[in-house]
Every structure is written in C-alpha cells, then in structure tokens.
Amino acid sequence: MGKSKKKKEFDVHNMTPDEQLKFEIAQELGLDEKVLQKGWKSLTSKESGRIGGMITGRKRQLKEEALKES
C-alpha cells in the first residue's frame, strides 16, 4: 500500500510568517490566483524555483538590515 498524504487546506487568514512571505511573493509574480484555486502543487518547477529564490534573497536582505541596526 502506498502512503497517502492528507491534503492540507491553504488558509489565507491563518499563515505563519514564512507562509505569508511565500504568498506575498506569489502575489508579486501574479501567481496568487493559481495558488488559491489549485494549491501550491499546481505551480511549475520554474515558478516554484523563482519563488524560492526570491524568498532566499528577501531573507538575506532582512538579515543584513537587522545587522546594520545592531
């Protein structure tokens, strides 16, 4: 028997800070409607990679800004 994963509903109103950042970037790329209608798994690898790259850059930028303030 194969393992079955329980499908997790995407709740826009109850997101972690990381999920908020991910969704914010998806909105900037115009992918928010696709995510809301079909979920994160509907994105292509290119779209997912772009979001991941932008998340990494944004986190790096926030970290640098925090170090400057210290």
PDB file of N, CA and C in Angstrom:
ATOM      1  N   MET A   1       0.825  -1.190   0.000  1.00  0.00           N
ATOM      2  CA  MET A   1       0.000   0.000   0.000  1.00  0.00           C
ATOM      3  C   MET A   1       0.867   1.250   0.000  1.00  0.00           C
ATOM      4  N   GLY A   2       0.461   2.237  -0.755  1.00  0.00           N
ATOM      5  CA  GLY A   2       1.196   3.491  -0.800  1.00  0.00           C
ATOM      6  C   GLY A   2       0.814   4.402   0.346  1.00  0.00           C
ATOM      7  N   LYS A   3       1.719   5.277   0.637  1.00  0.00           N
ATOM      8  CA  LYS A   3       1.453   6.248   1.687  1.00  0.00           C
ATOM      9  C   LYS A   3       0.540   7.326   1.131  1.00  0.00           C
ATOM     10  N   SER A   4      -0.446   7.691   1.900  1.00  0.00           N
ATOM     11  CA  SER A   4      -1.321   8.771   1.450  1.00  0.00           C
ATOM     12  C   SER A   4      -1.115   9.968   2.360  1.00  0.00           C
ATOM     13  N   LYS A   5      -0.931  11.091   1.732  1.00  0.00           N
ATOM     14  CA  LYS A   5      -0.753  12.317   2.484  1.00  0.00           C
ATOM     15  C   LYS A   5      -2.094  13.028   2.569  1.00  0.00           C
ATOM     16  N   LYS A   6      -2.389  13.511   3.735  1.00  0.00           N
ATOM     17  CA  LYS A   6      -3.615  14.255   3.922  1.00  0.00           C
ATOM     18  C   LYS A   6      -3.431  15.627   3.286  1.00  0.00           C
ATOM     19  N   LYS A   7      -4.362  15.998   2.432  1.00  0.00           N
ATOM     20  CA  LYS A   7      -4.258  17.282   1.749  1.00  0.00           C
ATOM     21  C   LYS A   7      -4.530  18.402   2.742  1.00  0.00           C
ATOM     22  N   LYS A   8      -3.567  19.290   2.884  1.00  0.00           N
ATOM     23  CA  LYS A   8      -3.682  20.417   3.801  1.00  0.00           C
ATOM     24  C   LYS A   8      -4.334  21.585   3.065  1.00  0.00           C
ATOM     25  N   GLU A   9      -5.414  22.082   3.632  1.00  0.00           N
ATOM     26  CA  GLU A   9      -6.097  23.231   3.047  1.00  0.00           C
ATOM     27  C   GLU A   9      -5.243  24.483   3.203  1.00  0.00           C
ATOM     28  N   PHE A  10      -5.234  25.318   2.193  1.00  0.00           N
ATOM     29  CA  PHE A  10      -4.491  26.570   2.241  1.00  0.00           C
ATOM     30  C   PHE A  10      -5.400  27.636   2.830  1.00  0.00           C
ATOM     31  N   ASP A  11      -5.046  28.130   3.997  1.00  0.00           N
ATOM     32  CA  ASP A  11      -5.846  29.124   4.700  1.00  0.00           C
ATOM     33  C   ASP A  11      -5.135  30.469   4.660  1.00  0.00           C
ATOM     34  N   VAL A  12      -5.666  31.388   3.895  1.00  0.00           N
ATOM     35  CA  VAL A  12      -5.055  32.705   3.713  1.00  0.00           C
ATOM     36  C   VAL A  12      -5.053  33.504   5.017  1.00  0.00           C
ATOM     37  N   HIS A  13      -6.000  33.240   5.883  1.00  0.00           N
ATOM     38  CA  HIS A  13      -6.143  34.030   7.106  1.00  0.00           C
ATOM     39  C   HIS A  13      -5.357  33.467   8.286  1.00  0.00           C
ATOM     40  N   ASN A  14      -4.755  32.304   8.127  1.00  0.00           N
ATOM     41  CA  ASN A  14      -4.027  31.677   9.232  1.00  0.00           C
ATOM     42  C   ASN A  14      -2.695  31.145   8.711  1.00  0.00           C
ATOM     43  N   MET A  15      -1.750  32.067   8.430  1.00  0.00           N
ATOM     44  CA  MET A  15      -0.464  31.678   7.862  1.00  0.00           C
ATOM     45  C   MET A  15       0.674  32.017   8.816  1.00  0.00           C
ATOM     46  N   THR A  16       1.718  31.212   8.757  1.00  0.00           N
ATOM     47  CA  THR A  16       2.931  31.504   9.508  1.00  0.00           C
ATOM     48  C   THR A  16       3.659  32.648   8.791  1.00  0.00           C
ATOM     49  N   PRO A  17       4.622  33.289   9.450  1.00  0.00           N
ATOM     50  CA  PRO A  17       5.374  34.364   8.773  1.00  0.00           C
ATOM     51  C   PRO A  17       6.044  33.885   7.475  1.00  0.00           C
ATOM     52  N   ASP A  18       6.564  32.651   7.465  1.00  0.00           N
ATOM     53  CA  ASP A  18       7.183  32.127   6.240  1.00  0.00           C
ATOM     54  C   ASP A  18       6.151  31.939   5.133  1.00  0.00           C
ATOM     55  N   GLU A  19       4.979  31.454   5.499  1.00  0.00           N
ATOM     56  CA  GLU A  19       3.911  31.275   4.509  1.00  0.00           C
ATOM     57  C   GLU A  19       3.418  32.619   3.988  1.00  0.00           C
ATOM     58  N   GLN A  20       3.386  33.625   4.863  1.00  0.00           N
ATOM     59  CA  GLN A  20       2.983  34.970   4.442  1.00  0.00           C
ATOM     60  C   GLN A  20       3.962  35.523   3.417  1.00  0.00           C
ATOM     61  N   LEU A  21       5.251  35.340   3.670  1.00  0.00           N
ATOM     62  CA  LEU A  21       6.279  35.808   2.739  1.00  0.00           C
ATOM     63  C   LEU A  21       6.153  35.082   1.401  1.00  0.00           C
ATOM     64  N   LYS A  22       5.969  33.784   1.459  1.00  0.00           N
ATOM     65  CA  LYS A  22       5.823  32.970   0.246  1.00  0.00           C
ATOM     66  C   LYS A  22       4.616  33.432  -0.574  1.00  0.00           C
ATOM     67  N   PHE A  23       3.496  33.663   0.094  1.00  0.00           N
ATOM     68  CA  PHE A  23       2.293  34.091  -0.613  1.00  0.00           C
ATOM     69  C   PHE A  23       2.439  35.515  -1.145  1.00  0.00           C
ATOM     70  N   GLU A  24       3.111  36.374  -0.386  1.00  0.00           N
ATOM     71  CA  GLU A  24       3.355  37.749  -0.829  1.00  0.00           C
ATOM     72  C   GLU A  24       4.166  37.752  -2.128  1.00  0.00           C
ATOM     73  N   ILE A  25       5.176  36.911  -2.196  1.00  0.00           N
ATOM     74  CA  ILE A  25       5.996  36.824  -3.403  1.00  0.00           C
ATOM     75  C   ILE A  25       5.187  36.234  -4.561  1.00  0.00           C
ATOM     76  N   ALA A  26       4.352  35.246  -4.263  1.00  0.00           N
ATOM     77  CA  ALA A  26       3.480  34.679  -5.297  1.00  0.00           C
ATOM     78  C   ALA A  26       2.553  35.763  -5.855  1.00  0.00           C
ATOM     79  N   GLN A  27       2.064  36.645  -4.990  1.00  0.00           N
ATOM     80  CA  GLN A  27       1.225  37.760  -5.448  1.00  0.00           C
ATOM     81  C   GLN A  27       2.012  38.687  -6.368  1.00  0.00           C
ATOM     82  N   GLU A  28       3.253  38.999  -5.992  1.00  0.00           N
ATOM     83  CA  GLU A  28       4.089  39.879  -6.807  1.00  0.00           C
ATOM     84  C   GLU A  28       4.321  39.296  -8.198  1.00  0.00           C
ATOM     85  N   LEU A  29       4.383  37.963  -8.270  1.00  0.00           N
ATOM     86  CA  LEU A  29       4.616  37.295  -9.549  1.00  0.00           C
ATOM     87  C   LEU A  29       3.310  37.011 -10.305  1.00  0.00           C
ATOM     88  N   GLY A  30       2.186  37.369  -9.705  1.00  0.00           N
ATOM     89  CA  GLY A  30       0.897  37.140 -10.352  1.00  0.00           C
ATOM     90  C   GLY A  30       0.427  35.696 -10.274  1.00  0.00           C
ATOM     91  N   LEU A  31       0.909  34.956  -9.288  1.00  0.00           N
ATOM     92  CA  LEU A  31       0.551  33.545  -9.165  1.00  0.00           C
ATOM     93  C   LEU A  31      -0.448  33.283  -8.043  1.00  0.00           C
ATOM     94  N   ASP A  32      -0.902  34.346  -7.388  1.00  0.00           N
ATOM     95  CA  ASP A  32      -1.777  34.178  -6.230  1.00  0.00           C
ATOM     96  C   ASP A  32      -3.102  33.498  -6.573  1.00  0.00           C
ATOM     97  N   GLU A  33      -3.716  33.844  -7.688  1.00  0.00           N
ATOM     98  CA  GLU A  33      -4.993  33.222  -8.075  1.00  0.00           C
ATOM     99  C   GLU A  33      -4.819  31.733  -8.339  1.00  0.00           C
ATOM    100  N   LYS A  34      -3.729  31.382  -9.001  1.00  0.00           N
ATOM    101  CA  LYS A  34      -3.448  29.974  -9.291  1.00  0.00           C
ATOM    102  C   LYS A  34      -3.283  29.184  -7.999  1.00  0.00           C
ATOM    103  N   VAL A  35      -2.573  29.764  -7.028  1.00  0.00           N
ATOM    104  CA  VAL A  35      -2.353  29.111  -5.741  1.00  0.00           C
ATOM    105  C   VAL A  35      -3.666  28.966  -4.981  1.00  0.00           C
ATOM    106  N   LEU A  36      -4.478  30.017  -4.979  1.00  0.00           N
ATOM    107  CA  LEU A  36      -5.750  29.978  -4.261  1.00  0.00           C
ATOM    108  C   LEU A  36      -6.715  28.956  -4.858  1.00  0.00           C
ATOM    109  N   GLN A  37      -6.716  28.842  -6.188  1.00  0.00           N
ATOM    110  CA  GLN A  37      -7.653  27.939  -6.849  1.00  0.00           C
ATOM    111  C   GLN A  37      -7.198  26.485  -6.833  1.00  0.00           C
ATOM    112  N   LYS A  38      -5.898  26.251  -7.067  1.00  0.00           N
ATOM    113  CA  LYS A  38      -5.422  24.881  -7.255  1.00  0.00           C
ATOM    114  C   LYS A  38      -4.376  24.433  -6.246  1.00  0.00           C
ATOM    115  N   GLY A  39      -3.892  25.338  -5.403  1.00  0.00           N
ATOM    116  CA  GLY A  39      -2.901  24.986  -4.398  1.00  0.00           C
ATOM    117  C   GLY A  39      -1.475  25.153  -4.901  1.00  0.00           C
ATOM    118  N   TRP A  40      -0.530  25.012  -3.963  1.00  0.00           N
ATOM    119  CA  TRP A  40       0.884  25.206  -4.274  1.00  0.00           C
ATOM    120  C   TRP A  40       1.402  24.154  -5.244  1.00  0.00           C
ATOM    121  N   LYS A  41       0.839  22.957  -5.215  1.00  0.00           N
ATOM    122  CA  LYS A  41       1.329  21.875  -6.076  1.00  0.00           C
ATOM    123  C   LYS A  41       1.031  22.119  -7.550  1.00  0.00           C
ATOM    124  N   SER A  42       0.171  23.089  -7.842  1.00  0.00           N
ATOM    125  CA  SER A  42      -0.159  23.371  -9.240  1.00  0.00           C
ATOM    126  C   SER A  42       0.914  24.207  -9.936  1.00  0.00           C
ATOM    127  N   LEU A  43       1.852  24.747  -9.170  1.00  0.00           N
ATOM    128  CA  LEU A  43       2.908  25.572  -9.759  1.00  0.00           C
ATOM    129  C   LEU A  43       3.931  24.702 -10.480  1.00  0.00           C
ATOM    130  N   THR A  44       4.494  25.240 -11.537  1.00  0.00           N
ATOM    131  CA  THR A  44       5.548  24.531 -12.248  1.00  0.00           C
ATOM    132  C   THR A  44       6.836  24.623 -11.439  1.00  0.00           C
ATOM    133  N   SER A  45       7.808  23.805 -11.797  1.00  0.00           N
ATOM    134  CA  SER A  45       9.084  23.856 -11.078  1.00  0.00           C
ATOM    135  C   SER A  45       9.770  25.206 -11.287  1.00  0.00           C
ATOM    136  N   LYS A  46       9.588  25.789 -12.448  1.00  0.00           N
ATOM    137  CA  LYS A  46      10.171  27.104 -12.722  1.00  0.00           C
ATOM    138  C   LYS A  46       9.554  28.164 -11.817  1.00  0.00           C
ATOM    139  N   GLU A  47       8.220  28.130 -11.667  1.00  0.00           N
ATOM    140  CA  GLU A  47       7.533  29.091 -10.804  1.00  0.00           C
ATOM    141  C   GLU A  47       7.939  28.900  -9.342  1.00  0.00           C
ATOM    142  N   SER A  48       7.994  27.641  -8.911  1.00  0.00           N
ATOM    143  CA  SER A  48       8.385  27.345  -7.525  1.00  0.00           C
ATOM    144  C   SER A  48       9.820  27.781  -7.254  1.00  0.00           C
ATOM    145  N   GLY A  49      10.701  27.534  -8.202  1.00  0.00           N
ATOM    146  CA  GLY A  49      12.096  27.933  -8.058  1.00  0.00           C
ATOM    147  C   GLY A  49      12.256  29.436  -7.984  1.00  0.00           C
ATOM    148  N   ARG A  50      11.468  30.123  -8.770  1.00  0.00           N
ATOM    149  CA  ARG A  50      11.524  31.592  -8.744  1.00  0.00           C
ATOM    150  C   ARG A  50      11.080  32.120  -7.381  1.00  0.00           C
ATOM    151  N   ILE A  51       9.996  31.553  -6.849  1.00  0.00           N
ATOM    152  CA  ILE A  51       9.517  31.957  -5.521  1.00  0.00           C
ATOM    153  C   ILE A  51      10.583  31.650  -4.477  1.00  0.00           C
ATOM    154  N   GLY A  52      11.163  30.452  -4.541  1.00  0.00           N
ATOM    155  CA  GLY A  52      12.198  30.069  -3.583  1.00  0.00           C
ATOM    156  C   GLY A  52      13.405  30.984  -3.636  1.00  0.00           C
ATOM    157  N   GLY A  53      13.818  31.346  -4.824  1.00  0.00           N
ATOM    158  CA  GLY A  53      14.954  32.254  -4.983  1.00  0.00           C
ATOM    159  C   GLY A  53      14.669  33.628  -4.417  1.00  0.00           C
ATOM    160  N   MET A  54      13.453  34.106  -4.638  1.00  0.00           N
ATOM    161  CA  MET A  54      13.083  35.422  -4.121  1.00  0.00           C
ATOM    162  C   MET A  54      12.957  35.403  -2.594  1.00  0.00           C
ATOM    163  N   ILE A  55      12.482  34.285  -2.036  1.00  0.00           N
ATOM    164  CA  ILE A  55      12.402  34.141  -0.577  1.00  0.00           C
ATOM    165  C   ILE A  55      13.803  34.217   0.015  1.00  0.00           C
ATOM    166  N   THR A  56      14.739  33.497  -0.589  1.00  0.00           N
ATOM    167  CA  THR A  56      16.123  33.493  -0.110  1.00  0.00           C
ATOM    168  C   THR A  56      16.715  34.900  -0.146  1.00  0.00           C
ATOM    169  N   GLY A  57      16.511  35.588  -1.249  1.00  0.00           N
ATOM    170  CA  GLY A  57      17.020  36.954  -1.373  1.00  0.00           C
ATOM    171  C   GLY A  57      16.395  37.896  -0.367  1.00  0.00           C
ATOM    172  N   ARG A  58      15.098  37.767  -0.172  1.00  0.00           N
ATOM    173  CA  ARG A  58      14.398  38.628   0.779  1.00  0.00           C
ATOM    174  C   ARG A  58      14.872  38.381   2.209  1.00  0.00           C
ATOM    175  N   LYS A  59      15.049  37.099   2.575  1.00  0.00           N
ATOM    176  CA  LYS A  59      15.526  36.772   3.923  1.00  0.00           C
ATOM    177  C   LYS A  59      16.947  37.282   4.139  1.00  0.00           C
ATOM    178  N   ARG A  60      17.796  37.164   3.117  1.00  0.00           N
ATOM    179  CA  ARG A  60      19.170  37.666   3.203  1.00  0.00           C
ATOM    180  C   ARG A  60      19.157  39.174   3.411  1.00  0.00           C
ATOM    181  N   GLN A  61      18.301  39.859   2.679  1.00  0.00           N
ATOM    182  CA  GLN A  61      18.193  41.315   2.791  1.00  0.00           C
ATOM    183  C   GLN A  61      17.732  41.709   4.194  1.00  0.00           C
ATOM    184  N   LEU A  62      16.728  41.013   4.733  1.00  0.00           N
ATOM    185  CA  LEU A  62      16.226  41.312   6.077  1.00  0.00           C
ATOM    186  C   LEU A  62      17.297  41.075   7.137  1.00  0.00           C
ATOM    187  N   LYS A  63      18.084  40.024   6.950  1.00  0.00           N
ATOM    188  CA  LYS A  63      19.158  39.710   7.879  1.00  0.00           C
ATOM    189  C   LYS A  63      20.232  40.806   7.875  1.00  0.00           C
ATOM    190  N   GLU A  64      20.601  41.266   6.670  1.00  0.00           N
ATOM    191  CA  GLU A  64      21.590  42.333   6.550  1.00  0.00           C
ATOM    192  C   GLU A  64      21.092  43.627   7.192  1.00  0.00           C
ATOM    193  N   GLU A  65      19.811  43.937   6.993  1.00  0.00           N
ATOM    194  CA  GLU A  65      19.247  45.140   7.586  1.00  0.00           C
ATOM    195  C   GLU A  65      19.241  45.051   9.111  1.00  0.00           C
ATOM    196  N   ALA A  66      18.957  43.862   9.632  1.00  0.00           N
ATOM    197  CA  ALA A  66      18.955  43.664  11.088  1.00  0.00           C
ATOM    198  C   ALA A  66      20.354  43.824  11.659  1.00  0.00           C
ATOM    199  N   LEU A  67      21.366  43.367  10.911  1.00  0.00           N
ATOM    200  CA  LEU A  67      22.755  43.503  11.379  1.00  0.00           C
ATOM    201  C   LEU A  67      23.191  44.966  11.362  1.00  0.00           C
ATOM    202  N   LYS A  68      22.731  45.737  10.398  1.00  0.00           N
ATOM    203  CA  LYS A  68      23.084  47.157  10.320  1.00  0.00           C
ATOM    204  C   LYS A  68      22.494  47.933  11.488  1.00  0.00           C
ATOM    205  N   GLU A  69      21.309  47.518  11.932  1.00  0.00           N
ATOM    206  CA  GLU A  69      20.636  48.220  13.035  1.00  0.00           C
ATOM    207  C   GLU A  69      21.286  47.913  14.377  1.00  0.00           C
ATOM    208  N   SER A  70      21.985  46.795  14.473  1.00  0.00           N
ATOM    209  CA  SER A  70      22.602  46.389  15.748  1.00  0.00           C
ATOM    210  C   SER A  70      23.817  47.201  16.092  1.00  0.00           C
TER     211      SER A  70
END
